């Protein structure tokens, strides 16, 4: 499995979770990495991006609450999620840019209101 997300779970609104993504990619440090999420009945959306140099971008809906980071030595990408809201409930995935066809294992985040 090249991409494996973990760290999801059930949390109350206002709580925090830290997602991890193990990315077994050759030349991992050369790729921008992204976190995506998909809620039931909705399209997959881009949540956060980090360039190979560490520059970050966020969807308006999560800016100021989520933080993406990476560890090139460990080939890991992280998503720290604070002040969680019910609308953050979704399956979360990571992928490189450009994305691999195989999205690997996502992780479910459920926020109870």
Protein backbone atom coordinates (compact mmCIF):
# COMPACT_ATOMS: atom_id res chain seq x y z
CA UNK A 1 0.00 0.00 0.00
CA UNK A 2 1.56 3.25 -1.08
CA UNK A 3 -0.76 5.60 0.80
CA UNK A 4 -2.23 4.85 4.20
CA UNK A 5 -4.04 7.38 6.33
CA UNK A 6 -4.71 6.84 10.02
CA UNK A 7 -5.68 8.67 13.18
CA UNK A 8 -9.35 9.23 12.58
CA UNK A 9 -12.06 8.57 15.11
CA UNK A 10 -15.08 9.95 16.91
CA UNK A 11 -14.68 13.30 18.61
CA UNK A 12 -16.99 15.92 20.04
CA UNK A 13 -17.37 19.28 18.36
CA UNK A 14 -14.57 21.57 19.44
CA UNK A 15 -12.17 18.71 19.87
CA UNK A 16 -8.98 17.82 18.03
CA UNK A 17 -7.53 14.97 16.03
CA UNK A 18 -4.20 14.42 14.33
CA UNK A 19 -4.22 12.43 11.13
CA UNK A 20 -1.13 10.70 9.78
CA UNK A 21 -0.36 9.55 6.26
CA UNK A 22 2.31 7.03 5.46
CA UNK A 23 3.39 7.56 1.86
CA UNK A 24 5.63 4.84 0.49
CA UNK A 25 6.67 6.82 -2.54
CA UNK A 26 9.93 6.99 -4.36
CA UNK A 27 11.29 10.53 -4.24
CA UNK A 28 8.66 11.48 -1.65
CA UNK A 29 10.34 14.81 -0.93
CA UNK A 30 9.94 15.87 -4.56
CA UNK A 31 6.14 15.86 -4.41
CA UNK A 32 3.60 18.22 -3.01
CA UNK A 33 1.24 16.30 -0.76
CA UNK A 34 -2.45 16.87 -0.18
CA UNK A 35 -5.16 15.93 2.26
CA UNK A 36 -8.64 15.40 0.86
CA UNK A 37 -11.96 14.48 2.39
CA UNK A 38 -15.22 13.05 1.15
CA UNK A 39 -18.48 13.18 3.03
CA UNK A 40 -21.41 10.89 2.17
CA UNK A 41 -23.17 12.07 -0.95
CA UNK A 42 -20.60 14.76 -1.66
CA UNK A 43 -17.67 15.19 -3.99
CA UNK A 44 -14.15 14.68 -2.75
CA UNK A 45 -12.64 18.03 -1.79
CA UNK A 46 -9.12 19.25 -1.29
CA UNK A 47 -8.58 20.26 2.33
CA UNK A 48 -4.90 21.14 2.63
CA UNK A 49 -1.72 21.09 0.57
CA UNK A 50 1.96 21.25 1.38
CA UNK A 51 4.61 21.83 -1.26
CA UNK A 52 7.91 20.04 -1.37
CA UNK A 53 9.40 23.17 0.21
CA UNK A 54 6.83 23.27 2.99
CA UNK A 55 4.53 25.99 1.71
CA UNK A 56 0.94 25.35 2.74
CA UNK A 57 -2.54 26.10 1.45
CA UNK A 58 -5.94 25.40 2.95
CA UNK A 59 -9.56 25.29 1.95
CA UNK A 60 -11.46 28.28 3.29
CA UNK A 61 -13.57 25.98 5.42
CA UNK A 62 -10.59 24.74 7.46
CA UNK A 63 -8.13 27.64 7.36
CA UNK A 64 -7.11 28.64 10.86
CA UNK A 65 -8.24 25.31 12.33
CA UNK A 66 -6.22 22.71 10.42
CA UNK A 67 -2.44 22.50 9.98
CA UNK A 68 -0.67 20.31 7.45
CA UNK A 69 2.94 19.26 7.92
CA UNK A 70 5.38 16.73 6.54
CA UNK A 71 8.42 14.73 7.58
CA UNK A 72 10.40 13.86 4.48
CA UNK A 73 12.78 11.55 6.32
CA UNK A 74 9.88 9.42 7.51
CA UNK A 75 7.79 9.89 4.35
CA UNK A 76 4.89 11.07 6.47
CA UNK A 77 2.29 13.78 6.14
CA UNK A 78 0.19 15.01 9.05
CA UNK A 79 -3.02 16.95 9.47
CA UNK A 80 -3.62 18.54 12.84
CA UNK A 81 -7.31 19.32 13.14
CA UNK A 82 -8.50 21.64 15.91
CA UNK A 83 -11.87 23.16 16.74
CA UNK A 84 -13.58 20.39 14.85
CA UNK A 85 -17.11 20.91 13.61
CA UNK A 86 -19.85 18.49 12.63
CA UNK A 87 -19.34 19.47 8.99
CA UNK A 88 -15.77 18.13 9.16
CA UNK A 89 -17.22 14.62 9.34
CA UNK A 90 -15.88 12.70 6.33
CA UNK A 91 -13.44 10.10 5.12
CA UNK A 92 -10.00 11.68 4.90
CA UNK A 93 -7.38 10.66 2.36
CA UNK A 94 -3.89 11.76 1.45
CA UNK A 95 -2.32 11.73 -1.97
CA UNK A 96 0.57 13.25 -3.81
CA UNK A 97 0.35 15.91 -6.50
CA UNK A 98 -0.25 14.66 -9.19
CA UNK A 99 -2.44 12.09 -7.49
CA UNK A 100 -1.92 8.37 -7.69
CA UNK A 101 -4.81 6.37 -9.12
CA UNK A 102 -4.84 4.19 -6.03
CA UNK A 103 -5.97 6.43 -3.19
CA UNK A 104 -5.15 3.84 -0.59
CA UNK A 105 -6.76 3.55 2.79
CA UNK A 106 -8.54 6.58 4.15
CA UNK A 107 -9.53 7.26 7.72
CA UNK A 108 -12.96 8.14 9.04
CA UNK A 109 -13.45 11.30 11.08
CA UNK A 110 -16.77 11.71 12.85
CA UNK A 111 -17.53 14.87 14.79
CA UNK A 112 -20.55 14.77 17.05
CA UNK A 113 -22.39 18.00 17.71
